[in-house]
């Protein structure tokens, strides 16, 4: 390596240094701290005590933690397919320039840019059985957030409503990258709308689909703010997602070691789910649209 190359390398590292400090200080270091805390017993008052794998042994046999994993899994399975399907349909409608789409561009993004906690408070009022707007429209009293059978679908609906804008933005960007000539060739071959969607649009959107699916799954596994505002994990722990359980253990029960162990388990689950998605999409993605 000559002097010029060394100078360019030093300049590159110097420009990367601020970002590296941020990544190390706000990403890698917290992960290492959480990993270390998962092997300790600590209540924020007394000194941390090393207890080895005791936290993991406890949470892996604790029914409430198992319930949180199950609730979170159901939440993800209910929210992600609907969010992606609706987001894709919205993106197709906007890309075709259907009437009203100019207003839709603004409206569907608003929930995404609002604070989830604030949205949760608003939706709690909408779902209120006595003074809520939804029951006033329906003309009947329904316990949306206190009925064990309705609470999870209600918070899933809010999740879908708040994320379709984010998802449709990426699908719209992906649709606009597909060459118009591909659709014109399909029309000349006599392909209808459904055939074009299945054989052209969806295959060419797979890179976008992969990104949207991975990021949506990760964010759904970590959902907390809106559920905390609407149900607090109830009723009867039917909406007790894993992020809410971690919060309760850490800042209500002051059992930071168990909360850290739960966070590590959540991290492992997310890595596993992401690898499965990557393996599924790996041979099904094409980036060549020429």
Protein backbone atom coordinates (compact mmCIF):
# COMPACT_ATOMS: atom_id res chain seq x y z
CA UNK A 1 0.00 0.00 0.00
CA UNK A 2 1.54 3.29 -1.10
CA UNK A 3 1.34 6.65 0.71
CA UNK A 4 -1.68 7.84 -1.27
CA UNK A 5 -3.66 4.69 -0.51
CA UNK A 6 -2.79 4.94 3.18
CA UNK A 7 -3.93 8.57 3.19
CA UNK A 8 -7.22 7.64 1.50
CA UNK A 9 -7.74 4.79 3.98
CA UNK A 10 -7.14 7.10 6.95
CA UNK A 11 -9.54 9.66 5.48
CA UNK A 12 -12.20 6.99 4.97
CA UNK A 13 -11.89 5.70 8.53
CA UNK A 14 -11.98 9.27 9.85
CA UNK A 15 -15.26 9.90 8.03
CA UNK A 16 -16.67 6.60 9.26
CA UNK A 17 -15.64 7.23 12.86
CA UNK A 18 -18.75 9.24 13.94
CA UNK A 19 -21.06 6.52 12.63
CA UNK A 20 -18.92 3.78 14.18
CA UNK A 21 -19.09 5.52 17.55
CA UNK A 22 -22.87 5.62 17.27
CA UNK A 23 -23.13 1.96 16.27
CA UNK A 24 -20.80 0.83 19.06
CA UNK A 25 -22.24 3.11 21.75
CA UNK A 26 -25.94 2.73 20.98
CA UNK A 27 -26.15 -0.75 19.42
CA UNK A 28 -23.29 -3.13 20.19
CA UNK A 29 -22.58 -1.95 23.74
CA UNK A 30 -26.24 -2.16 24.90
CA UNK A 31 -26.48 -5.67 23.43
CA UNK A 32 -23.41 -6.77 25.37
CA UNK A 33 -24.74 -5.17 28.57
CA UNK A 34 -28.09 -6.95 28.19
CA UNK A 35 -26.31 -10.23 27.54
CA UNK A 36 -24.25 -9.78 30.71
CA UNK A 37 -27.30 -8.79 32.77
CA UNK A 38 -29.11 -11.95 31.67
CA UNK A 39 -26.67 -13.94 33.84
CA UNK A 40 -27.25 -11.76 36.90
CA UNK A 41 -29.83 -10.96 39.55
CA UNK A 42 -30.30 -7.19 39.86
CA UNK A 43 -33.11 -5.00 41.16
CA UNK A 44 -31.52 -1.57 40.47
CA UNK A 45 -30.88 -1.13 44.22
CA UNK A 46 -28.58 -3.86 45.46
CA UNK A 47 -25.36 -4.77 43.59
CA UNK A 48 -25.74 -7.21 40.67
CA UNK A 49 -25.26 -10.87 41.63
CA UNK A 50 -23.94 -13.47 39.18
CA UNK A 51 -26.33 -16.45 39.02
CA UNK A 52 -25.34 -18.11 35.74
CA UNK A 53 -28.16 -19.66 33.73
CA UNK A 54 -30.76 -19.39 36.48
CA UNK A 55 -32.72 -16.64 34.70
CA UNK A 56 -32.91 -18.69 31.51
CA UNK A 57 -33.95 -21.82 33.40
CA UNK A 58 -36.73 -19.85 35.08
CA UNK A 59 -38.20 -18.05 32.08
CA UNK A 60 -38.07 -21.11 29.82
CA UNK A 61 -40.29 -22.97 32.30
CA UNK A 62 -42.44 -19.97 33.27
CA UNK A 63 -45.97 -20.27 31.83
CA UNK A 64 -46.42 -16.50 31.61
CA UNK A 65 -43.35 -16.12 29.40
CA UNK A 66 -44.56 -18.98 27.23
CA UNK A 67 -47.92 -17.22 26.98
CA UNK A 68 -46.19 -14.01 25.90
CA UNK A 69 -44.33 -15.86 23.14
CA UNK A 70 -47.60 -17.45 21.99
CA UNK A 71 -49.48 -14.14 22.05
CA UNK A 72 -46.67 -12.43 20.14
CA UNK A 73 -46.61 -15.22 17.56
CA UNK A 74 -50.38 -14.96 17.05
CA UNK A 75 -50.09 -11.19 16.82
CA UNK A 76 -47.45 -11.47 14.09
CA UNK A 77 -49.37 -14.15 12.15
CA UNK A 78 -52.53 -12.04 12.23
CA UNK A 79 -50.96 -8.66 11.47
CA UNK A 80 -48.23 -9.30 8.89
CA UNK A 81 -50.18 -11.03 6.06
CA UNK A 82 -53.02 -8.50 6.26
CA UNK A 83 -50.65 -5.52 6.43
CA UNK A 84 -48.64 -6.69 3.43
CA UNK A 85 -51.74 -7.53 1.36
CA UNK A 86 -53.45 -4.20 2.06
CA UNK A 87 -50.22 -2.25 1.60
CA UNK A 88 -49.63 -3.91 -1.77
CA UNK A 89 -53.19 -3.17 -2.94
CA UNK A 90 -52.85 0.47 -1.88
CA UNK A 91 -49.53 0.78 -3.70
CA UNK A 92 -51.03 -0.71 -6.89
CA UNK A 93 -53.98 1.69 -6.70
CA UNK A 94 -51.70 4.70 -6.22
CA UNK A 95 -49.31 3.57 -8.94
CA UNK A 96 -52.20 3.35 -11.41
CA UNK A 97 -53.31 6.88 -10.54
CA UNK A 98 -56.86 5.93 -9.58
CA UNK A 99 -59.21 8.78 -8.52
CA UNK A 100 -58.54 10.03 -5.00
CA UNK A 101 -55.04 8.60 -4.74
CA UNK A 102 -53.47 12.05 -4.32
CA UNK A 103 -55.35 12.45 -1.02
CA UNK A 104 -54.65 8.85 -0.15
CA UNK A 105 -50.90 9.49 -0.38
CA UNK A 106 -51.21 11.87 2.57
CA UNK A 107 -53.78 9.99 4.63
CA UNK A 108 -52.11 6.59 4.65
CA UNK A 109 -48.79 8.02 5.84
CA UNK A 110 -50.23 9.94 8.80
CA UNK A 111 -50.56 6.90 11.14
CA UNK A 112 -46.97 5.90 10.37
CA UNK A 113 -45.51 9.29 11.34
CA UNK A 114 -47.55 9.61 14.57
CA UNK A 115 -46.25 8.41 17.93
CA UNK A 116 -47.50 4.84 18.63
CA UNK A 117 -48.27 5.70 22.25
CA UNK A 118 -50.44 8.63 21.19
CA UNK A 119 -52.21 6.45 18.64
CA UNK A 120 -52.84 3.88 21.35
CA UNK A 121 -54.50 6.50 23.55
CA UNK A 122 -56.71 7.65 20.67
CA UNK A 123 -57.73 4.12 19.77
CA UNK A 124 -58.44 3.32 23.41
CA UNK A 125 -61.00 6.13 23.35
CA UNK A 126 -62.40 4.90 20.02
CA UNK A 127 -62.82 1.38 21.45
CA UNK A 128 -64.19 2.62 24.79
CA UNK A 129 -67.38 0.64 25.52
CA UNK A 130 -69.25 3.58 27.07
CA UNK A 131 -68.10 6.76 25.33
CA UNK A 132 -66.19 5.35 22.37
CA UNK A 133 -66.78 6.50 18.82
CA UNK A 134 -66.97 2.99 17.38
CA UNK A 135 -69.76 1.83 19.66
CA UNK A 136 -71.60 5.11 19.05
CA UNK A 137 -71.51 4.41 15.31
CA UNK A 138 -72.57 0.77 15.73
CA UNK A 139 -75.29 1.68 18.21
CA UNK A 140 -74.42 -1.13 20.62
CA UNK A 141 -72.08 -1.77 23.52
CA UNK A 142 -69.12 -4.00 22.71
CA UNK A 143 -66.21 -4.56 25.11
CA UNK A 144 -63.51 -4.32 22.46
CA UNK A 145 -60.50 -4.14 24.80
CA UNK A 146 -61.81 -5.98 27.86
CA UNK A 147 -63.31 -9.03 26.15
CA UNK A 148 -60.61 -11.75 26.05
CA UNK A 149 -61.82 -12.87 22.61
CA UNK A 150 -61.82 -9.38 21.07
CA UNK A 151 -58.79 -7.67 22.65
CA UNK A 152 -56.11 -9.27 20.49
CA UNK A 153 -57.96 -8.76 17.18
CA UNK A 154 -58.57 -5.14 18.19
CA UNK A 155 -54.89 -4.37 18.80
CA UNK A 156 -53.96 -6.29 15.63
CA UNK A 157 -56.34 -4.04 13.69
CA UNK A 158 -54.61 -0.96 15.08
CA UNK A 159 -51.22 -2.42 14.12
CA UNK A 160 -52.41 -3.06 10.57
CA UNK A 161 -53.91 0.42 10.30
CA UNK A 162 -50.71 2.06 11.51
CA UNK A 163 -48.29 0.12 9.29
CA UNK A 164 -49.98 -0.13 5.89
CA UNK A 165 -48.69 3.33 4.97
CA UNK A 166 -45.10 2.35 5.67
CA UNK A 167 -45.50 -0.87 3.72
CA UNK A 168 -47.26 0.71 0.74
CA UNK A 169 -44.50 3.32 0.40
CA UNK A 170 -41.93 0.61 -0.25
CA UNK A 171 -44.22 -1.33 -2.56
CA UNK A 172 -44.93 1.85 -4.50
CA UNK A 173 -41.19 2.44 -4.91
CA UNK A 174 -40.78 -1.15 -6.09
CA UNK A 175 -43.66 -0.87 -8.57
CA UNK A 176 -42.18 2.26 -10.09
CA UNK A 177 -38.93 0.40 -10.78
CA UNK A 178 -40.65 -2.21 -12.96
CA UNK A 179 -40.17 -1.28 -16.63
CA UNK A 180 -43.37 -0.31 -18.43
CA UNK A 181 -42.27 -2.39 -21.41
CA UNK A 182 -42.76 -5.57 -19.40
CA UNK A 183 -46.44 -4.78 -18.87
CA UNK A 184 -46.88 -3.76 -22.51
CA UNK A 185 -45.44 -7.10 -23.63
CA UNK A 186 -47.82 -8.93 -21.30
CA UNK A 187 -50.80 -7.00 -22.72
CA UNK A 188 -49.77 -7.93 -26.26
CA UNK A 189 -49.68 -11.58 -25.18
CA UNK A 190 -53.24 -11.25 -23.89
CA UNK A 191 -52.45 -11.41 -20.15
CA UNK A 192 -55.22 -10.07 -17.92
CA UNK A 193 -54.88 -8.07 -14.73
CA UNK A 194 -54.74 -11.09 -12.44
CA UNK A 195 -52.28 -12.93 -14.67
CA UNK A 196 -50.08 -9.82 -14.87
CA UNK A 197 -50.14 -9.43 -11.09
CA UNK A 198 -49.24 -13.06 -10.41
CA UNK A 199 -46.70 -13.60 -13.20
CA UNK A 200 -45.01 -10.20 -13.46
CA UNK A 201 -45.69 -7.81 -10.59
CA UNK A 202 -45.27 -10.17 -7.65
CA UNK A 203 -42.10 -11.92 -8.92
CA UNK A 204 -40.41 -8.58 -9.69
CA UNK A 205 -41.47 -7.24 -6.28
CA UNK A 206 -39.77 -10.04 -4.37
CA UNK A 207 -36.77 -7.93 -3.29
CA UNK A 208 -39.21 -5.36 -1.88
CA UNK A 209 -41.35 -8.13 -0.42
CA UNK A 210 -38.33 -9.59 1.34
CA UNK A 211 -37.37 -6.24 2.87
CA UNK A 212 -40.94 -5.40 3.90
CA UNK A 213 -41.55 -8.84 5.40
CA UNK A 214 -38.34 -8.89 7.43
CA UNK A 215 -38.72 -5.36 8.81
CA UNK A 216 -42.44 -5.82 9.51
CA UNK A 217 -41.90 -9.09 11.36
CA UNK A 218 -39.14 -7.55 13.48
CA UNK A 219 -41.24 -4.49 14.35
CA UNK A 220 -44.30 -6.65 15.14
CA UNK A 221 -42.29 -8.85 17.49
CA UNK A 222 -41.15 -5.69 19.27
CA UNK A 223 -44.53 -3.91 19.40
CA UNK A 224 -45.19 -2.34 22.78
CA UNK A 225 -46.34 1.30 22.86
CA UNK A 226 -49.81 1.00 21.36
CA UNK A 227 -50.67 -2.21 23.24
CA UNK A 228 -49.40 -0.73 26.50
CA UNK A 229 -51.65 2.29 25.98
CA UNK A 230 -54.74 0.30 24.98
CA UNK A 231 -54.76 -2.81 27.15
CA UNK A 232 -51.62 -2.89 29.31
CA UNK A 233 -51.31 -6.58 28.39
CA UNK A 234 -54.81 -7.56 29.48
CA UNK A 235 -57.42 -8.82 29.71
CA UNK A 236 -56.25 -12.08 31.31
CA UNK A 237 -52.85 -11.63 29.58
CA UNK A 238 -54.49 -12.06 26.13
CA UNK A 239 -52.45 -9.14 24.73
CA UNK A 240 -49.37 -9.67 26.90
CA UNK A 241 -46.81 -9.51 24.09
CA UNK A 242 -43.19 -10.27 24.87
CA UNK A 243 -42.07 -6.62 24.80
CA UNK A 244 -44.72 -5.78 27.41
CA UNK A 245 -43.61 -8.73 29.53
CA UNK A 246 -39.99 -7.54 29.35
CA UNK A 247 -41.06 -4.04 30.40
CA UNK A 248 -43.12 -5.39 33.30
CA UNK A 249 -40.31 -7.58 34.57
CA UNK A 250 -37.69 -4.82 34.29
CA UNK A 251 -39.47 -1.68 35.46
CA UNK A 252 -42.44 -2.94 37.49
CA UNK A 253 -41.02 -6.07 39.10
CA UNK A 254 -37.44 -4.71 39.12
CA UNK A 255 -36.11 -8.06 37.93
CA UNK A 256 -33.68 -6.83 35.33
CA UNK A 257 -31.87 -10.14 35.01
CA UNK A 258 -35.01 -11.98 33.94
CA UNK A 259 -36.00 -9.14 31.63
CA UNK A 260 -32.55 -9.25 30.02
CA UNK A 261 -32.82 -13.02 29.55
CA UNK A 262 -36.20 -12.54 27.86
CA UNK A 263 -34.67 -9.91 25.60
CA UNK A 264 -31.89 -12.32 24.62
CA UNK A 265 -34.45 -15.04 23.84
CA UNK A 266 -36.41 -12.54 21.73
CA UNK A 267 -33.20 -11.63 19.88
CA UNK A 268 -32.48 -15.31 19.15
CA UNK A 269 -36.07 -15.83 17.92
CA UNK A 270 -35.82 -12.80 15.62
CA UNK A 271 -32.49 -13.97 14.20
CA UNK A 272 -33.96 -17.42 13.56
CA UNK A 273 -37.10 -16.04 11.90
CA UNK A 274 -35.03 -13.67 9.76
CA UNK A 275 -32.73 -16.48 8.62
CA UNK A 276 -35.75 -18.59 7.66
CA UNK A 277 -37.15 -15.70 5.62
CA UNK A 278 -33.79 -15.10 3.99
CA UNK A 279 -33.51 -18.78 3.08
CA UNK A 280 -37.02 -18.74 1.60
CA UNK A 281 -36.49 -15.63 -0.53
CA UNK A 282 -32.88 -16.33 -1.48
CA UNK A 283 -33.63 -18.41 -4.57
CA UNK A 284 -36.84 -16.59 -5.42
CA UNK A 285 -35.46 -13.07 -5.82
CA UNK A 286 -34.44 -11.46 -9.07
CA UNK A 287 -32.85 -8.03 -9.18
CA UNK A 288 -32.54 -7.87 -12.96
CA UNK A 289 -35.36 -5.81 -14.51
CA UNK A 290 -33.63 -4.96 -17.76
